[in-house]
């Protein structure tokens, strides 16, 4: 074999080795950084680099409420930096304390992020969220729209959720969408009102549900300015258009002021809902098994509500895995029924 041929063979072998090394290095880098990208129903996206705080509003009067919070901690809270559980003051504090000890024991990484605060429960979820957020809180029974400076300096995103939601799979999309869409408010569900003139809501009103919402820093201050400084809401003074509604007028008024009205405080291109709240029939996803089941199968919808016991019973029979996927470490399995 002549010298030139030997050189060509040697050179070919060297090139093969170099290419193999390049491939191996690239593979190792992508393997090492798998946590930087995730595949979701909304597409492949980069991991969120913003610092976030999660605030859970609760009045844990049943084991089902604690079961729901556990599911949120296990599947929604892994990537948040801080968790505040805002509890109704002087109610179920011992139960919540025992629950927290269990979280710290079985999910120490999550438990180390949690702070429990007890606040006066006079404005439902909005009050518990606002009291955890603002300077005054309810310590002096004053309303405030000024968010605590430490929260504003530490966190870029604010994830507000209540204890009506049961997580059924890992989910971080409301926070990721804030950054990806350059939004100020992202909710799990959105609605477009069509037939609600009798309740005083203008047809075509776009609004987003409150049980699962995320705000940018700017968006959180806008929410606080319009909602957190509201005094006790009474329908006669704040929602006189509800006079023809037979029942639950105060509750409906609170929903309007702290949930339905919120989207209008933002430019339209700064507010997004991820999933439609209904299938076009005005029946809420939490009460419509067929639609909810479709959302689960086709769009990986990540939650169910604990308020409809009949629907929960059906889900337990037809989709039992959805009751266990986000409570793998929870000991009291009886609580999903209570």
Protein backbone atom coordinates (compact mmCIF):
# COMPACT_ATOMS: atom_id res chain seq x y z
CA UNK A 1 0.00 0.00 0.00
CA UNK A 2 1.53 3.33 -1.04
CA UNK A 3 2.13 6.17 1.40
CA UNK A 4 -0.59 8.43 -0.06
CA UNK A 5 -3.23 5.75 0.32
CA UNK A 6 -2.19 5.14 3.94
CA UNK A 7 -2.40 8.87 4.62
CA UNK A 8 -5.89 9.08 3.09
CA UNK A 9 -7.10 6.16 5.22
CA UNK A 10 -5.56 7.65 8.36
CA UNK A 11 -7.09 11.01 7.60
CA UNK A 12 -10.52 9.43 7.04
CA UNK A 13 -10.30 7.64 10.39
CA UNK A 14 -9.35 10.88 12.14
CA UNK A 15 -12.32 12.70 10.58
CA UNK A 16 -14.68 9.91 11.64
CA UNK A 17 -13.37 10.11 15.21
CA UNK A 18 -13.73 13.91 15.26
CA UNK A 19 -17.32 13.73 13.99
CA UNK A 20 -18.17 11.09 16.55
CA UNK A 21 -16.77 13.26 19.32
CA UNK A 22 -18.78 16.24 18.10
CA UNK A 23 -21.94 14.12 18.08
CA UNK A 24 -21.24 12.73 21.57
CA UNK A 25 -20.57 16.21 23.02
CA UNK A 26 -23.75 17.59 21.45
CA UNK A 27 -25.76 14.65 22.78
CA UNK A 28 -24.33 15.08 26.27
CA UNK A 29 -25.19 18.79 26.26
CA UNK A 30 -28.75 18.20 25.10
CA UNK A 31 -29.12 15.38 27.59
CA UNK A 32 -27.80 17.54 30.41
CA UNK A 33 -30.19 20.37 29.50
CA UNK A 34 -33.42 18.39 29.08
CA UNK A 35 -34.93 20.46 31.85
CA UNK A 36 -34.48 23.60 29.74
CA UNK A 37 -37.16 22.57 27.25
CA UNK A 38 -40.43 20.75 27.67
CA UNK A 39 -43.04 19.41 25.28
CA UNK A 40 -46.56 20.58 26.13
CA UNK A 41 -49.90 20.74 24.35
CA UNK A 42 -48.93 24.34 23.50
CA UNK A 43 -45.67 23.18 21.87
CA UNK A 44 -41.99 22.83 22.75
CA UNK A 45 -41.00 25.71 24.96
CA UNK A 46 -38.05 26.88 26.99
CA UNK A 47 -38.16 26.60 30.74
CA UNK A 48 -39.33 29.73 32.53
CA UNK A 49 -36.45 31.84 33.87
CA UNK A 50 -38.62 34.23 35.91
CA UNK A 51 -38.87 34.06 39.69
CA UNK A 52 -42.41 33.27 40.79
CA UNK A 53 -44.55 33.12 43.92
CA UNK A 54 -47.67 30.98 44.34
CA UNK A 55 -50.48 32.10 46.67
CA UNK A 56 -53.13 29.53 47.59
CA UNK A 57 -56.38 30.89 49.06
CA UNK A 58 -58.03 28.34 51.32
CA UNK A 59 -60.61 27.63 53.95
CA UNK A 60 -59.82 23.92 54.42
CA UNK A 61 -63.06 22.80 56.04
CA UNK A 62 -62.87 19.30 54.54
CA UNK A 63 -60.28 16.67 53.78
CA UNK A 64 -61.12 17.12 50.10
CA UNK A 65 -59.82 20.70 50.30
CA UNK A 66 -56.51 19.49 51.75
CA UNK A 67 -56.37 16.74 49.12
CA UNK A 68 -56.81 19.44 46.46
CA UNK A 69 -54.03 21.60 47.88
CA UNK A 70 -51.71 18.59 48.03
CA UNK A 71 -52.34 17.90 44.33
CA UNK A 72 -51.49 21.52 43.51
CA UNK A 73 -48.26 21.35 45.49
CA UNK A 74 -47.23 18.08 43.86
CA UNK A 75 -48.04 19.03 40.25
CA UNK A 76 -48.23 22.84 39.97
CA UNK A 77 -45.64 24.08 42.45
CA UNK A 78 -42.38 22.38 41.56
CA UNK A 79 -41.00 25.33 39.60
CA UNK A 80 -42.24 28.20 41.74
CA UNK A 81 -39.78 29.80 44.14
CA UNK A 82 -42.11 30.61 47.04
CA UNK A 83 -45.53 29.41 48.22
CA UNK A 84 -47.89 31.26 50.55
CA UNK A 85 -50.94 29.42 51.84
CA UNK A 86 -53.38 32.18 52.77
CA UNK A 87 -55.77 30.61 55.28
CA UNK A 88 -59.02 31.91 56.75
CA UNK A 89 -58.03 33.27 60.17
CA UNK A 90 -59.09 31.31 63.27
CA UNK A 91 -60.44 28.49 61.13
CA UNK A 92 -58.87 25.06 60.69
CA UNK A 93 -55.43 26.31 61.67
CA UNK A 94 -54.59 23.07 63.53
CA UNK A 95 -55.64 20.93 60.57
CA UNK A 96 -53.54 23.03 58.22
CA UNK A 97 -50.55 22.86 60.56
CA UNK A 98 -50.71 19.05 60.67
CA UNK A 99 -51.10 18.98 56.88
CA UNK A 100 -48.02 21.15 56.44
CA UNK A 101 -45.95 18.82 58.61
CA UNK A 102 -46.94 15.98 56.29
CA UNK A 103 -45.93 18.03 53.25
CA UNK A 104 -42.53 18.83 54.77
CA UNK A 105 -41.97 15.18 55.60
CA UNK A 106 -43.02 13.66 52.27
CA UNK A 107 -42.22 16.54 49.87
CA UNK A 108 -39.37 18.37 51.63
CA UNK A 109 -38.36 20.36 48.55
CA UNK A 110 -41.89 21.76 48.26
CA UNK A 111 -42.38 22.07 52.02
CA UNK A 112 -39.30 24.25 52.38
CA UNK A 113 -40.91 26.90 50.13
CA UNK A 114 -44.17 27.20 52.09
CA UNK A 115 -45.26 29.95 54.44
CA UNK A 116 -48.71 29.83 56.04
CA UNK A 117 -50.49 33.11 56.72
CA UNK A 118 -53.85 33.49 58.48
CA UNK A 119 -56.12 36.32 57.37
CA UNK A 120 -59.63 37.55 57.99
CA UNK A 121 -61.92 35.80 55.52
CA UNK A 122 -64.25 38.66 54.61
CA UNK A 123 -63.87 38.86 50.83
CA UNK A 124 -63.63 35.21 49.84
CA UNK A 125 -60.63 34.22 47.70
CA UNK A 126 -59.88 37.78 46.56
CA UNK A 127 -59.49 38.91 50.17
CA UNK A 128 -57.17 36.03 51.06
CA UNK A 129 -55.02 36.70 48.00
CA UNK A 130 -54.97 40.46 48.59
CA UNK A 131 -54.17 40.16 52.30
CA UNK A 132 -51.17 37.99 51.45
CA UNK A 133 -50.04 40.47 48.79
CA UNK A 134 -50.51 43.91 50.31
CA UNK A 135 -48.79 45.99 52.97
CA UNK A 136 -51.79 46.46 55.22
CA UNK A 137 -53.18 42.99 54.73
CA UNK A 138 -56.00 42.89 57.26
CA UNK A 139 -53.91 43.53 60.34
CA UNK A 140 -55.54 46.93 60.76
CA UNK A 141 -58.77 46.04 58.93
CA UNK A 142 -57.80 48.55 56.24
CA UNK A 143 -57.83 47.99 52.49
CA UNK A 144 -54.62 48.56 50.60
CA UNK A 145 -53.50 48.35 46.99
CA UNK A 146 -49.80 48.60 47.81
CA UNK A 147 -48.06 45.29 47.28
CA UNK A 148 -45.40 44.43 49.81
CA UNK A 149 -42.05 45.80 48.53
CA UNK A 150 -40.26 42.51 49.29
CA UNK A 151 -42.64 40.63 47.01
CA UNK A 152 -42.23 43.14 44.20
CA UNK A 153 -38.45 43.14 44.48
CA UNK A 154 -38.13 39.35 44.74
CA UNK A 155 -40.66 38.02 42.24
CA UNK A 156 -41.49 38.59 38.58
CA UNK A 157 -44.61 36.43 38.39
CA UNK A 158 -47.55 35.85 40.74
CA UNK A 159 -49.55 32.62 40.58
CA UNK A 160 -52.94 32.86 42.36
CA UNK A 161 -55.00 29.71 42.91
CA UNK A 162 -57.74 28.57 45.29
CA UNK A 163 -58.59 25.30 46.99
CA UNK A 164 -61.38 24.35 44.57
CA UNK A 165 -58.86 23.03 42.03
CA UNK A 166 -57.55 19.45 41.93
CA UNK A 167 -54.45 19.09 39.76
CA UNK A 168 -54.42 16.03 37.51
CA UNK A 169 -51.04 16.40 35.81
CA UNK A 170 -47.88 18.54 36.06
CA UNK A 171 -48.54 22.01 34.70
CA UNK A 172 -46.68 25.30 34.53
CA UNK A 173 -48.23 26.82 31.44
CA UNK A 174 -49.97 29.82 33.04
CA UNK A 175 -46.57 31.10 34.18
CA UNK A 176 -44.75 30.19 30.98
CA UNK A 177 -47.43 31.89 28.86
CA UNK A 178 -46.86 35.18 30.70
CA UNK A 179 -43.35 35.30 29.32
CA UNK A 180 -44.03 33.71 25.95
CA UNK A 181 -46.98 35.99 25.16
CA UNK A 182 -45.56 39.05 26.94
CA UNK A 183 -48.82 39.07 28.90
CA UNK A 184 -49.86 40.64 32.19
CA UNK A 185 -52.64 38.16 33.03
CA UNK A 186 -53.02 34.51 32.02
CA UNK A 187 -55.82 32.29 33.26
CA UNK A 188 -56.57 28.60 32.88
CA UNK A 189 -59.98 29.38 31.34
CA UNK A 190 -61.61 32.16 29.36
CA UNK A 191 -65.23 33.00 28.54
CA UNK A 192 -67.10 35.11 26.03
CA UNK A 193 -70.49 36.08 27.43
CA UNK A 194 -73.41 35.68 25.04
CA UNK A 195 -76.75 35.61 26.89
CA UNK A 196 -76.36 37.39 30.21
CA UNK A 197 -78.19 40.68 29.80
CA UNK A 198 -80.46 39.79 32.71
CA UNK A 199 -77.43 39.81 35.04
CA UNK A 200 -76.18 43.12 33.74
CA UNK A 201 -73.21 41.75 31.79
CA UNK A 202 -72.75 43.11 28.28
CA UNK A 203 -72.86 40.49 25.54
CA UNK A 204 -69.45 39.89 24.03
CA UNK A 205 -67.67 40.51 27.33
CA UNK A 206 -64.40 38.59 27.42
CA UNK A 207 -63.30 37.50 30.87
CA UNK A 208 -61.03 34.94 32.49
CA UNK A 209 -61.76 32.69 35.45
CA UNK A 210 -60.16 33.34 38.83
CA UNK A 211 -59.36 29.88 40.36
CA UNK A 212 -56.08 29.61 38.40
CA UNK A 213 -54.48 32.88 37.29
CA UNK A 214 -50.97 34.21 36.81
CA UNK A 215 -49.91 37.85 36.73
CA UNK A 216 -46.78 39.67 35.69
CA UNK A 217 -45.34 42.13 38.17
CA UNK A 218 -47.10 44.97 36.36
CA UNK A 219 -50.30 42.94 36.08
CA UNK A 220 -50.29 42.14 39.78
CA UNK A 221 -50.17 45.82 40.65
CA UNK A 222 -53.02 46.57 38.24
CA UNK A 223 -55.11 43.84 39.92
CA UNK A 224 -54.22 45.17 43.35
CA UNK A 225 -55.14 48.74 42.39
CA UNK A 226 -58.61 47.70 41.25
CA UNK A 227 -59.46 44.78 43.54
CA UNK A 228 -57.40 44.78 46.73
CA UNK A 229 -58.56 48.19 47.91
CA UNK A 230 -62.26 47.34 47.50
CA UNK A 231 -64.25 47.60 50.67
CA UNK A 232 -66.73 44.92 51.68
CA UNK A 233 -68.79 44.28 48.55
CA UNK A 234 -72.57 44.52 48.86
CA UNK A 235 -74.84 43.99 45.89
CA UNK A 236 -77.25 46.86 46.66
CA UNK A 237 -74.44 49.42 46.57
CA UNK A 238 -72.06 47.78 44.09
CA UNK A 239 -74.29 45.74 41.79
CA UNK A 240 -77.82 47.20 41.82
CA UNK A 241 -78.42 45.62 38.40
CA UNK A 242 -78.70 42.27 40.22
CA UNK A 243 -81.98 43.21 41.88
CA UNK A 244 -83.92 40.74 39.72
CA UNK A 245 -81.61 37.85 40.54
CA UNK A 246 -83.38 35.62 43.05
CA UNK A 247 -80.49 34.11 45.01
CA UNK A 248 -76.82 34.63 45.85
CA UNK A 249 -76.75 38.28 44.84
CA UNK A 250 -73.84 39.18 47.12
CA UNK A 251 -71.79 36.23 45.88
CA UNK A 252 -72.59 37.10 42.27
CA UNK A 253 -71.56 40.71 42.89
CA UNK A 254 -68.23 39.59 44.35
CA UNK A 255 -67.65 37.37 41.29
CA UNK A 256 -68.33 40.31 38.99
CA UNK A 257 -66.09 42.75 40.84
CA UNK A 258 -63.15 40.43 41.55
CA UNK A 259 -63.29 38.05 38.58
CA UNK A 260 -65.39 39.05 35.55
CA UNK A 261 -64.40 42.75 35.63
CA UNK A 262 -60.67 42.09 35.98
CA UNK A 263 -59.91 41.51 32.28
CA UNK A 264 -61.20 44.96 31.34
CA UNK A 265 -58.46 46.62 33.40
CA UNK A 266 -55.85 45.38 30.90
CA UNK A 267 -55.24 45.99 27.18
CA UNK A 268 -56.82 43.14 25.20
CA UNK A 269 -53.45 41.85 23.98
CA UNK A 270 -52.21 41.50 27.58
CA UNK A 271 -54.91 39.07 28.79
CA UNK A 272 -55.18 35.42 27.77
CA UNK A 273 -57.10 32.33 28.77
CA UNK A 274 -55.63 28.98 27.81
CA UNK A 275 -58.79 26.88 27.47
CA UNK A 276 -62.40 27.78 26.69
CA UNK A 277 -64.60 27.63 29.78
CA UNK A 278 -67.37 25.88 27.85
CA UNK A 279 -68.07 24.02 24.61
CA UNK A 280 -70.44 26.67 23.28
CA UNK A 281 -73.40 25.67 25.45
CA UNK A 282 -72.68 28.01 28.39
CA UNK A 283 -72.26 24.94 30.61
CA UNK A 284 -69.15 25.29 32.77
CA UNK A 285 -66.36 22.79 32.18
CA UNK A 286 -66.53 21.75 35.84
CA UNK A 287 -70.13 20.59 35.36
CA UNK A 288 -69.85 19.09 31.89
CA UNK A 289 -68.11 15.70 31.98
CA UNK A 290 -68.22 15.22 28.20
CA UNK A 291 -66.48 18.52 27.54
CA UNK A 292 -64.01 18.14 30.42
CA UNK A 293 -63.15 14.61 29.26
CA UNK A 294 -62.53 15.94 25.75
CA UNK A 295 -60.26 18.67 27.12
CA UNK A 296 -58.30 16.04 29.05
CA UNK A 297 -57.86 13.71 26.08
CA UNK A 298 -57.25 16.24 23.32
CA UNK A 299 -55.58 19.17 25.10
CA UNK A 300 -54.11 17.70 28.31
CA UNK A 301 -56.33 19.89 30.45
CA UNK A 302 -54.57 19.81 33.85
CA UNK A 303 -57.31 20.22 36.46
CA UNK A 304 -60.74 19.35 37.79
CA UNK A 305 -62.89 21.10 40.38
CA UNK A 306 -63.93 19.63 43.71
CA UNK A 307 -67.26 21.49 43.90
CA UNK A 308 -69.36 19.11 41.80
CA UNK A 309 -69.54 15.84 43.77
CA UNK A 310 -71.52 13.98 41.09
CA UNK A 311 -68.96 14.78 38.43
CA UNK A 312 -66.11 13.84 40.78
CA UNK A 313 -67.78 10.48 41.38
CA UNK A 314 -68.00 9.89 37.63
CA UNK A 315 -64.38 10.87 37.10
CA UNK A 316 -63.34 8.54 39.90
CA UNK A 317 -65.03 5.65 38.10
CA UNK A 318 -64.10 6.46 34.50
CA UNK A 319 -60.69 8.10 35.00
CA UNK A 320 -59.34 6.87 38.36
CA UNK A 321 -55.78 7.74 37.36
CA UNK A 322 -56.70 11.43 37.52
CA UNK A 323 -57.23 11.10 41.27
CA UNK A 324 -53.80 9.62 41.92
CA UNK A 325 -51.37 11.17 39.44
CA UNK A 326 -50.79 14.29 41.55
CA UNK A 327 -51.22 12.74 44.99
CA UNK A 328 -48.70 9.91 44.75
CA UNK A 329 -47.19 10.83 48.12
CA UNK A 330 -50.40 11.69 49.96
CA UNK A 331 -51.20 9.20 52.71
CA UNK A 332 -54.88 9.92 53.42
CA UNK A 333 -56.54 8.62 50.24
CA UNK A 334 -59.95 8.75 51.95
CA UNK A 335 -59.81 12.53 51.68
CA UNK A 336 -60.59 12.47 47.97
CA UNK A 337 -64.13 11.46 48.92
CA UNK A 338 -64.81 13.96 51.71
